[in-house]
Amino acid sequence: LGAGLWFYISWNIATLAGIFAGKFIPNLDSLGL
């Protein structure tokens, strides 16, 4: 549970950052992520 829940939280934080980065940083997919 600790491993799964912490990964779930980390994934959602990372995607939330990507959501806002996608609004302000154009062509984010071109960075090789």
Full PDB file with SEQRES, HELIX, SHEET, SSBOND, CRYST1, ORIGX, SCALE, CONECT and MASTER records, all heavy atoms in Angstrom:
SEQRES   1 A   33  LEU GLY ALA GLY LEU TRP PHE TYR ILE SER TRP ASN ILE          
SEQRES   2 A   33  ALA THR LEU ALA GLY ILE PHE ALA GLY LYS PHE ILE PRO          
SEQRES   3 A   33  ASN LEU ASP SER LEU GLY LEU                                  
HELIX    1 AA1 GLY A    2  PHE A   24  1                                  23    
HELIX    2 AA2 LEU A   28  LEU A   31  5                                   4    
CRYST1    1.000    1.000    1.000  90.00  90.00  90.00 P 1           1          
ORIGX1      1.000000  0.000000  0.000000        0.00000                         
ORIGX2      0.000000  1.000000  0.000000        0.00000                         
ORIGX3      0.000000  0.000000  1.000000        0.00000                         
SCALE1      1.000000  0.000000  0.000000        0.00000                         
SCALE2      0.000000  1.000000  0.000000        0.00000                         
SCALE3      0.000000  0.000000  1.000000        0.00000                         
ATOM      1  N   LEU A   1       0.830  -1.203   0.000  1.00  0.00           N  
ATOM      2  CA  LEU A   1       0.000   0.000   0.000  1.00  0.00           C  
ATOM      3  C   LEU A   1       0.865   1.253   0.000  1.00  0.00           C  
ATOM      4  O   LEU A   1       0.564   2.216  -0.720  1.00  0.00           O  
ATOM      5  CB  LEU A   1      -0.920  -0.003   1.224  1.00  0.00           C  
ATOM      6  CG  LEU A   1      -1.846   1.209   1.366  1.00  0.00           C  
ATOM      7  CD1 LEU A   1      -2.823   1.268   0.203  1.00  0.00           C  
ATOM      8  CD2 LEU A   1      -2.603   1.150   2.690  1.00  0.00           C  
ATOM      9  N   GLY A   2       1.931   1.262   0.793  1.00  0.00           N  
ATOM     10  CA  GLY A   2       2.822   2.421   0.817  1.00  0.00           C  
ATOM     11  C   GLY A   2       3.464   2.676  -0.533  1.00  0.00           C  
ATOM     12  O   GLY A   2       3.523   3.814  -1.001  1.00  0.00           O  
ATOM     13  N   ALA A   3       3.925   1.607  -1.174  1.00  0.00           N  
ATOM     14  CA  ALA A   3       4.557   1.746  -2.486  1.00  0.00           C  
ATOM     15  C   ALA A   3       3.545   2.201  -3.536  1.00  0.00           C  
ATOM     16  O   ALA A   3       3.803   3.140  -4.308  1.00  0.00           O  
ATOM     17  CB  ALA A   3       5.185   0.425  -2.896  1.00  0.00           C  
ATOM     18  N   GLY A   4       2.377   1.543  -3.568  1.00  0.00           N  
ATOM     19  CA  GLY A   4       1.379   1.869  -4.581  1.00  0.00           C  
ATOM     20  C   GLY A   4       0.794   3.255  -4.411  1.00  0.00           C  
ATOM     21  O   GLY A   4       0.632   3.999  -5.384  1.00  0.00           O  
ATOM     22  N   LEU A   5       0.477   3.629  -3.169  1.00  0.00           N  
ATOM     23  CA  LEU A   5      -0.144   4.929  -2.926  1.00  0.00           C  
ATOM     24  C   LEU A   5       0.839   6.066  -3.162  1.00  0.00           C  
ATOM     25  O   LEU A   5       0.466   7.108  -3.719  1.00  0.00           O  
ATOM     26  CB  LEU A   5      -0.683   4.985  -1.498  1.00  0.00           C  
ATOM     27  CG  LEU A   5      -1.539   6.210  -1.139  1.00  0.00           C  
ATOM     28  CD1 LEU A   5      -2.740   6.319  -2.075  1.00  0.00           C  
ATOM     29  CD2 LEU A   5      -2.002   6.136   0.314  1.00  0.00           C  
ATOM     30  N   TRP A   6       2.083   5.875  -2.753  1.00  0.00           N  
ATOM     31  CA  TRP A   6       3.072   6.932  -2.971  1.00  0.00           C  
ATOM     32  C   TRP A   6       3.350   7.128  -4.450  1.00  0.00           C  
ATOM     33  O   TRP A   6       3.534   8.249  -4.916  1.00  0.00           O  
ATOM     34  CB  TRP A   6       4.357   6.615  -2.219  1.00  0.00           C  
ATOM     35  CG  TRP A   6       5.360   7.727  -2.293  1.00  0.00           C  
ATOM     36  CD1 TRP A   6       6.564   7.722  -2.919  1.00  0.00           C  
ATOM     37  CD2 TRP A   6       5.221   9.037  -1.714  1.00  0.00           C  
ATOM     38  NE1 TRP A   6       7.194   8.926  -2.790  1.00  0.00           N  
ATOM     39  CE2 TRP A   6       6.392   9.760  -2.034  1.00  0.00           C  
ATOM     40  CE3 TRP A   6       4.227   9.655  -0.950  1.00  0.00           C  
ATOM     41  CZ2 TRP A   6       6.590  11.087  -1.626  1.00  0.00           C  
ATOM     42  CZ3 TRP A   6       4.425  10.970  -0.551  1.00  0.00           C  
ATOM     43  CH2 TRP A   6       5.597  11.660  -0.887  1.00  0.00           C  
ATOM     44  N   PHE A   7       3.359   6.019  -5.211  1.00  0.00           N  
ATOM     45  CA  PHE A   7       3.545   6.154  -6.653  1.00  0.00           C  
ATOM     46  C   PHE A   7       2.341   6.846  -7.292  1.00  0.00           C  
ATOM     47  O   PHE A   7       2.493   7.647  -8.217  1.00  0.00           O  
ATOM     48  CB  PHE A   7       3.759   4.779  -7.294  1.00  0.00           C  
ATOM     49  CG  PHE A   7       4.132   4.858  -8.751  1.00  0.00           C  
ATOM     50  CD1 PHE A   7       5.433   5.126  -9.127  1.00  0.00           C  
ATOM     51  CD2 PHE A   7       3.176   4.672  -9.738  1.00  0.00           C  
ATOM     52  CE1 PHE A   7       5.772   5.219 -10.473  1.00  0.00           C  
ATOM     53  CE2 PHE A   7       3.504   4.762 -11.075  1.00  0.00           C  
ATOM     54  CZ  PHE A   7       4.814   5.033 -11.445  1.00  0.00           C  
ATOM     55  N   TYR A   8       1.152   6.533  -6.800  1.00  0.00           N  
ATOM     56  CA  TYR A   8      -0.069   7.176  -7.307  1.00  0.00           C  
ATOM     57  C   TYR A   8      -0.012   8.687  -7.078  1.00  0.00           C  
ATOM     58  O   TYR A   8      -0.316   9.479  -7.979  1.00  0.00           O  
ATOM     59  CB  TYR A   8      -1.283   6.573  -6.610  1.00  0.00           C  
ATOM     60  CG  TYR A   8      -2.603   7.211  -6.968  1.00  0.00           C  
ATOM     61  CD1 TYR A   8      -3.235   6.919  -8.168  1.00  0.00           C  
ATOM     62  CD2 TYR A   8      -3.220   8.111  -6.100  1.00  0.00           C  
ATOM     63  CE1 TYR A   8      -4.453   7.503  -8.496  1.00  0.00           C  
ATOM     64  CE2 TYR A   8      -4.428   8.694  -6.413  1.00  0.00           C  
ATOM     65  CZ  TYR A   8      -5.041   8.392  -7.611  1.00  0.00           C  
ATOM     66  OH  TYR A   8      -6.242   8.979  -7.933  1.00  0.00           O  
ATOM     67  N   ILE A   9       0.388   9.096  -5.880  1.00  0.00           N  
ATOM     68  CA  ILE A   9       0.490  10.522  -5.569  1.00  0.00           C  
ATOM     69  C   ILE A   9       1.548  11.189  -6.448  1.00  0.00           C  
ATOM     70  O   ILE A   9       1.329  12.274  -7.002  1.00  0.00           O  
ATOM     71  CB  ILE A   9       0.810  10.719  -4.073  1.00  0.00           C  
ATOM     72  CG1 ILE A   9      -0.360  10.249  -3.215  1.00  0.00           C  
ATOM     73  CG2 ILE A   9       1.128  12.184  -3.770  1.00  0.00           C  
ATOM     74  CD1 ILE A   9      -0.067  10.221  -1.726  1.00  0.00           C  
ATOM     75  N   SER A  10       2.698  10.534  -6.598  1.00  0.00           N  
ATOM     76  CA  SER A  10       3.783  11.096  -7.402  1.00  0.00           C  
ATOM     77  C   SER A  10       3.374  11.242  -8.858  1.00  0.00           C  
ATOM     78  O   SER A  10       3.689  12.252  -9.503  1.00  0.00           O  
ATOM     79  CB  SER A  10       5.027  10.203  -7.289  1.00  0.00           C  
ATOM     80  OG  SER A  10       5.459  10.094  -5.949  1.00  0.00           O  
ATOM     81  N   TRP A  11       2.660  10.248  -9.369  1.00  0.00           N  
ATOM     82  CA  TRP A  11       2.207  10.299 -10.765  1.00  0.00           C  
ATOM     83  C   TRP A  11       1.244  11.467 -10.971  1.00  0.00           C  
ATOM     84  O   TRP A  11       1.359  12.202 -11.956  1.00  0.00           O  
ATOM     85  CB  TRP A  11       1.542   8.991 -11.149  1.00  0.00           C  
ATOM     86  CG  TRP A  11       0.852   9.028 -12.485  1.00  0.00           C  
ATOM     87  CD1 TRP A  11      -0.490   9.078 -12.721  1.00  0.00           C  
ATOM     88  CD2 TRP A  11       1.479   9.040 -13.772  1.00  0.00           C  
ATOM     89  NE1 TRP A  11      -0.736   9.126 -14.069  1.00  0.00           N  
ATOM     90  CE2 TRP A  11       0.450   9.103 -14.740  1.00  0.00           C  
ATOM     91  CE3 TRP A  11       2.801   9.010 -14.190  1.00  0.00           C  
ATOM     92  CZ2 TRP A  11       0.721   9.132 -16.108  1.00  0.00           C  
ATOM     93  CZ3 TRP A  11       3.070   9.029 -15.549  1.00  0.00           C  
ATOM     94  CH2 TRP A  11       2.036   9.096 -16.490  1.00  0.00           C  
ATOM     95  N   ASN A  12       0.332  11.648 -10.061  1.00  0.00           N  
ATOM     96  CA  ASN A  12      -0.640  12.727 -10.218  1.00  0.00           C  
ATOM     97  C   ASN A  12       0.009  14.099 -10.051  1.00  0.00           C  
ATOM     98  O   ASN A  12      -0.390  15.060 -10.731  1.00  0.00           O  
ATOM     99  CB  ASN A  12      -1.783  12.548  -9.214  1.00  0.00           C  
ATOM    100  CG  ASN A  12      -2.809  11.535  -9.685  1.00  0.00           C  
ATOM    101  OD1 ASN A  12      -3.744  11.865 -10.417  1.00  0.00           O  
ATOM    102  ND2 ASN A  12      -2.644  10.284  -9.288  1.00  0.00           N  
ATOM    103  N   ILE A  13       0.991  14.214  -9.195  1.00  0.00           N  
ATOM    104  CA  ILE A  13       1.713  15.486  -9.066  1.00  0.00           C  
ATOM    105  C   ILE A  13       2.480  15.790 -10.348  1.00  0.00           C  
ATOM    106  O   ILE A  13       2.480  16.925 -10.840  1.00  0.00           O  
ATOM    107  CB  ILE A  13       2.672  15.441  -7.857  1.00  0.00           C  
ATOM    108  CG1 ILE A  13       1.879  15.405  -6.548  1.00  0.00           C  
ATOM    109  CG2 ILE A  13       3.615  16.644  -7.870  1.00  0.00           C  
ATOM    110  CD1 ILE A  13       2.744  15.239  -5.317  1.00  0.00           C  
ATOM    111  N   ALA A  14       3.138  14.770 -10.905  1.00  0.00           N  
ATOM    112  CA  ALA A  14       3.904  14.959 -12.141  1.00  0.00           C  
ATOM    113  C   ALA A  14       3.004  15.336 -13.305  1.00  0.00           C  
ATOM    114  O   ALA A  14       3.323  16.238 -14.092  1.00  0.00           O  
ATOM    115  CB  ALA A  14       4.684  13.685 -12.468  1.00  0.00           C  
ATOM    116  N   THR A  15       1.860  14.663 -13.435  1.00  0.00           N  
ATOM    117  CA  THR A  15       0.952  14.995 -14.539  1.00  0.00           C  
ATOM    118  C   THR A  15       0.304  16.363 -14.330  1.00  0.00           C  
ATOM    119  O   THR A  15       0.050  17.086 -15.303  1.00  0.00           O  
ATOM    120  CB  THR A  15      -0.142  13.927 -14.678  1.00  0.00           C  
ATOM    121  OG1 THR A  15      -0.820  13.746 -13.433  1.00  0.00           O  
ATOM    122  CG2 THR A  15       0.455  12.600 -15.116  1.00  0.00           C  
ATOM    123  N   LEU A  16       0.044  16.734 -13.071  1.00  0.00           N  
ATOM    124  CA  LEU A  16      -0.492  18.069 -12.795  1.00  0.00           C  
ATOM    125  C   LEU A  16       0.503  19.141 -13.215  1.00  0.00           C  
ATOM    126  O   LEU A  16       0.123  20.162 -13.808  1.00  0.00           O  
ATOM    127  CB  LEU A  16      -0.828  18.202 -11.310  1.00  0.00           C  
ATOM    128  CG  LEU A  16      -1.450  19.536 -10.874  1.00  0.00           C  
ATOM    129  CD1 LEU A  16      -2.803  19.739 -11.556  1.00  0.00           C  
ATOM    130  CD2 LEU A  16      -1.610  19.579  -9.364  1.00  0.00           C  
ATOM    131  N   ALA A  17       1.789  18.893 -12.934  1.00  0.00           N  
ATOM    132  CA  ALA A  17       2.817  19.829 -13.381  1.00  0.00           C  
ATOM    133  C   ALA A  17       2.858  19.896 -14.901  1.00  0.00           C  
ATOM    134  O   ALA A  17       3.031  20.980 -15.485  1.00  0.00           O  
ATOM    135  CB  ALA A  17       4.179  19.412 -12.833  1.00  0.00           C  
ATOM    136  N   GLY A  18       2.700  18.733 -15.552  1.00  0.00           N  
ATOM    137  CA  GLY A  18       2.680  18.710 -17.007  1.00  0.00           C  
ATOM    138  C   GLY A  18       1.478  19.422 -17.592  1.00  0.00           C  
ATOM    139  O   GLY A  18       1.574  20.033 -18.661  1.00  0.00           O  
ATOM    140  N   ILE A  19       0.349  19.353 -16.896  1.00  0.00           N  
ATOM    141  CA  ILE A  19      -0.855  20.048 -17.362  1.00  0.00           C  
ATOM    142  C   ILE A  19      -0.624  21.555 -17.423  1.00  0.00           C  
ATOM    143  O   ILE A  19      -0.939  22.212 -18.416  1.00  0.00           O  
ATOM    144  CB  ILE A  19      -2.044  19.720 -16.437  1.00  0.00           C  
ATOM    145  CG1 ILE A  19      -2.479  18.262 -16.655  1.00  0.00           C  
ATOM    146  CG2 ILE A  19      -3.213  20.671 -16.680  1.00  0.00           C  
ATOM    147  CD1 ILE A  19      -3.461  17.753 -15.630  1.00  0.00           C  
ATOM    148  N   PHE A  20      -0.035  22.101 -16.372  1.00  0.00           N  
ATOM    149  CA  PHE A  20       0.218  23.536 -16.356  1.00  0.00           C  
ATOM    150  C   PHE A  20       1.411  23.910 -17.228  1.00  0.00           C  
ATOM    151  O   PHE A  20       1.425  24.976 -17.836  1.00  0.00           O  
ATOM    152  CB  PHE A  20       0.430  24.011 -14.915  1.00  0.00           C  
ATOM    153  CG  PHE A  20      -0.832  24.019 -14.109  1.00  0.00           C  
ATOM    154  CD1 PHE A  20      -1.097  22.999 -13.215  1.00  0.00           C  
ATOM    155  CD2 PHE A  20      -1.771  25.030 -14.267  1.00  0.00           C  
ATOM    156  CE1 PHE A  20      -2.279  22.991 -12.475  1.00  0.00           C  
ATOM    157  CE2 PHE A  20      -2.954  25.029 -13.546  1.00  0.00           C  
ATOM    158  CZ  PHE A  20      -3.209  24.015 -12.641  1.00  0.00           C  
ATOM    159  N   ALA A  21       2.402  23.022 -17.315  1.00  0.00           N  
ATOM    160  CA  ALA A  21       3.537  23.284 -18.199  1.00  0.00           C  
ATOM    161  C   ALA A  21       3.098  23.282 -19.659  1.00  0.00           C  
ATOM    162  O   ALA A  21       3.588  24.062 -20.473  1.00  0.00           O  
ATOM    163  CB  ALA A  21       4.629  22.243 -17.974  1.00  0.00           C  
ATOM    164  N   GLY A  22       2.134  22.388 -19.973  1.00  0.00           N  
ATOM    165  CA  GLY A  22       1.634  22.331 -21.335  1.00  0.00           C  
ATOM    166  C   GLY A  22       0.895  23.576 -21.756  1.00  0.00           C  
ATOM    167  O   GLY A  22       0.787  23.875 -22.955  1.00  0.00           O  
ATOM    168  N   LYS A  23       0.389  24.319 -20.792  1.00  0.00           N  
ATOM    169  CA  LYS A  23      -0.342  25.548 -21.111  1.00  0.00           C  
ATOM    170  C   LYS A  23       0.611  26.715 -21.374  1.00  0.00           C  
ATOM    171  O   LYS A  23       0.258  27.665 -22.057  1.00  0.00           O  
ATOM    172  CB  LYS A  23      -1.277  25.918 -19.950  1.00  0.00           C  
ATOM    173  CG  LYS A  23      -2.422  24.934 -19.758  1.00  0.00           C  
ATOM    174  CD  LYS A  23      -3.199  25.227 -18.504  1.00  0.00           C  
ATOM    175  CE  LYS A  23      -3.963  26.545 -18.603  1.00  0.00           C  
ATOM    176  NZ  LYS A  23      -5.085  26.455 -19.552  1.00  0.00           N  
ATOM    177  N   PHE A  24       1.829  26.618 -20.827  1.00  0.00           N  
ATOM    178  CA  PHE A  24       2.745  27.756 -20.922  1.00  0.00           C  
ATOM    179  C   PHE A  24       4.029  27.457 -21.684  1.00  0.00           C  
ATOM    180  O   PHE A  24       4.701  28.383 -22.130  1.00  0.00           O  
ATOM    181  CB  PHE A  24       3.106  28.241 -19.510  1.00  0.00           C  
ATOM    182  CG  PHE A  24       1.924  28.667 -18.697  1.00  0.00           C  
ATOM    183  CD1 PHE A  24       1.457  27.878 -17.654  1.00  0.00           C  
ATOM    184  CD2 PHE A  24       1.241  29.840 -18.983  1.00  0.00           C  
ATOM    185  CE1 PHE A  24       0.355  28.259 -16.899  1.00  0.00           C  
ATOM    186  CE2 PHE A  24       0.141  30.229 -18.243  1.00  0.00           C  
ATOM    187  CZ  PHE A  24      -0.300  29.445 -17.203  1.00  0.00           C  
ATOM    188  N   ILE A  25       4.388  26.164 -21.814  1.00  0.00           N  
ATOM    189  CA  ILE A  25       5.609  25.803 -22.534  1.00  0.00           C  
ATOM    190  C   ILE A  25       5.221  25.107 -23.828  1.00  0.00           C  
ATOM    191  O   ILE A  25       4.738  23.969 -23.803  1.00  0.00           O  
ATOM    192  CB  ILE A  25       6.504  24.869 -21.687  1.00  0.00           C  
ATOM    193  CG1 ILE A  25       6.838  25.528 -20.352  1.00  0.00           C  
ATOM    194  CG2 ILE A  25       7.779  24.529 -22.455  1.00  0.00           C  
ATOM    195  CD1 ILE A  25       7.652  24.645 -19.441  1.00  0.00           C  
ATOM    196  N   PRO A  26       5.400  25.736 -24.970  1.00  0.00           N  
ATOM    197  CA  PRO A  26       5.015  25.108 -26.236  1.00  0.00           C  
ATOM    198  C   PRO A  26       5.978  23.986 -26.622  1.00  0.00           C  
ATOM    199  O   PRO A  26       7.153  23.996 -26.258  1.00  0.00           O  
ATOM    200  CB  PRO A  26       5.107  26.274 -27.239  1.00  0.00           C  
ATOM    201  CG  PRO A  26       6.124  27.205 -26.641  1.00  0.00           C  
ATOM    202  CD  PRO A  26       5.954  27.087 -25.157  1.00  0.00           C  
ATOM    203  N   ASN A  27       5.445  23.020 -27.362  1.00  0.00           N  
ATOM    204  CA  ASN A  27       6.249  21.917 -27.899  1.00  0.00           C  
ATOM    205  C   ASN A  27       7.024  21.175 -26.804  1.00  0.00           C  
ATOM    206  O   ASN A  27       8.206  20.864 -26.952  1.00  0.00           O  
ATOM    207  CB  ASN A  27       7.227  22.436 -28.966  1.00  0.00           C  
ATOM    208  CG  ASN A  27       6.517  23.105 -30.123  1.00  0.00           C  
ATOM    209  OD1 ASN A  27       5.467  22.654 -30.575  1.00  0.00           O  
ATOM    210  ND2 ASN A  27       7.087  24.201 -30.605  1.00  0.00           N  
ATOM    211  N   LEU A  28       6.328  20.887 -25.709  1.00  0.00           N  
ATOM    212  CA  LEU A  28       6.980  20.163 -24.620  1.00  0.00           C  
ATOM    213  C   LEU A  28       7.384  18.760 -25.058  1.00  0.00           C  
ATOM    214  O   LEU A  28       8.358  18.201 -24.543  1.00  0.00           O  
ATOM    215  CB  LEU A  28       6.032  20.091 -23.417  1.00  0.00           C  
ATOM    216  CG  LEU A  28       6.609  19.580 -22.095  1.00  0.00           C  
ATOM    217  CD1 LEU A  28       7.713  20.492 -21.606  1.00  0.00           C  
ATOM    218  CD2 LEU A  28       5.519  19.461 -21.036  1.00  0.00           C  
ATOM    219  N   ASP A  29       6.650  18.208 -26.017  1.00  0.00           N  
ATOM    220  CA  ASP A  29       6.959  16.860 -26.496  1.00  0.00           C  
ATOM    221  C   ASP A  29       8.249  16.793 -27.301  1.00  0.00           C  
ATOM    222  O   ASP A  29       8.764  15.707 -27.562  1.00  0.00           O  
ATOM    223  CB  ASP A  29       5.794  16.315 -27.331  1.00  0.00           C  
ATOM    224  CG  ASP A  29       5.460  17.217 -28.509  1.00  0.00           C  
ATOM    225  OD1 ASP A  29       5.657  18.437 -28.398  1.00  0.00           O  
ATOM    226  OD2 ASP A  29       5.001  16.685 -29.539  1.00  0.00           O  
ATOM    227  N   SER A  30       8.782  17.954 -27.705  1.00  0.00           N  
ATOM    228  CA  SER A  30      10.009  17.976 -28.498  1.00  0.00           C  
ATOM    229  C   SER A  30      11.262  17.912 -27.635  1.00  0.00           C  
ATOM    230  O   SER A  30      12.375  17.893 -28.153  1.00  0.00           O  
ATOM    231  CB  SER A  30      10.055  19.245 -29.360  1.00  0.00           C  
ATOM    232  OG  SER A  30      10.116  20.404 -28.540  1.00  0.00           O  
ATOM    233  N   LEU A  31      11.098  17.872 -26.318  1.00  0.00           N  
ATOM    234  CA  LEU A  31      12.243  17.868 -25.408  1.00  0.00           C  
ATOM    235  C   LEU A  31      12.791  16.471 -25.155  1.00  0.00           C  
ATOM    236  O   LEU A  31      13.728  16.299 -24.380  1.00  0.00           O  
ATOM    237  CB  LEU A  31      11.851  18.518 -24.066  1.00  0.00           C  
ATOM    238  CG  LEU A  31      11.372  19.968 -24.143  1.00  0.00           C  
ATOM    239  CD1 LEU A  31      11.010  20.476 -22.753  1.00  0.00           C  
ATOM    240  CD2 LEU A  31      12.449  20.865 -24.772  1.00  0.00           C  
ATOM    241  N   GLY A  32      12.179  15.465 -25.772  1.00  0.00           N  
ATOM    242  CA  GLY A  32      12.665  14.097 -25.608  1.00  0.00           C  
ATOM    243  C   GLY A  32      12.236  13.437 -24.308  1.00  0.00           C  
ATOM    244  O   GLY A  32      12.853  12.465 -23.866  1.00  0.00           O  
ATOM    245  N   LEU A  33      11.162  13.960 -23.696  1.00  0.00           N  
ATOM    246  CA  LEU A  33      10.709  13.391 -22.431  1.00  0.00           C  
ATOM    247  C   LEU A  33      10.149  11.984 -22.599  1.00  0.00           C  
ATOM    248  O   LEU A  33      10.072  11.237 -21.622  1.00  0.00           O  
ATOM    249  CB  LEU A  33       9.640  14.297 -21.802  1.00  0.00           C  
ATOM    250  CG  LEU A  33      10.088  15.711 -21.422  1.00  0.00           C  
ATOM    251  CD1 LEU A  33       8.913  16.491 -20.842  1.00  0.00           C  
ATOM    252  CD2 LEU A  33      11.245  15.676 -20.438  1.00  0.00           C  
TER     253      LEU A  33                                                      
MASTER        0    0    0    2    0    0    0    6  252    1    0    3          
END                                                                             
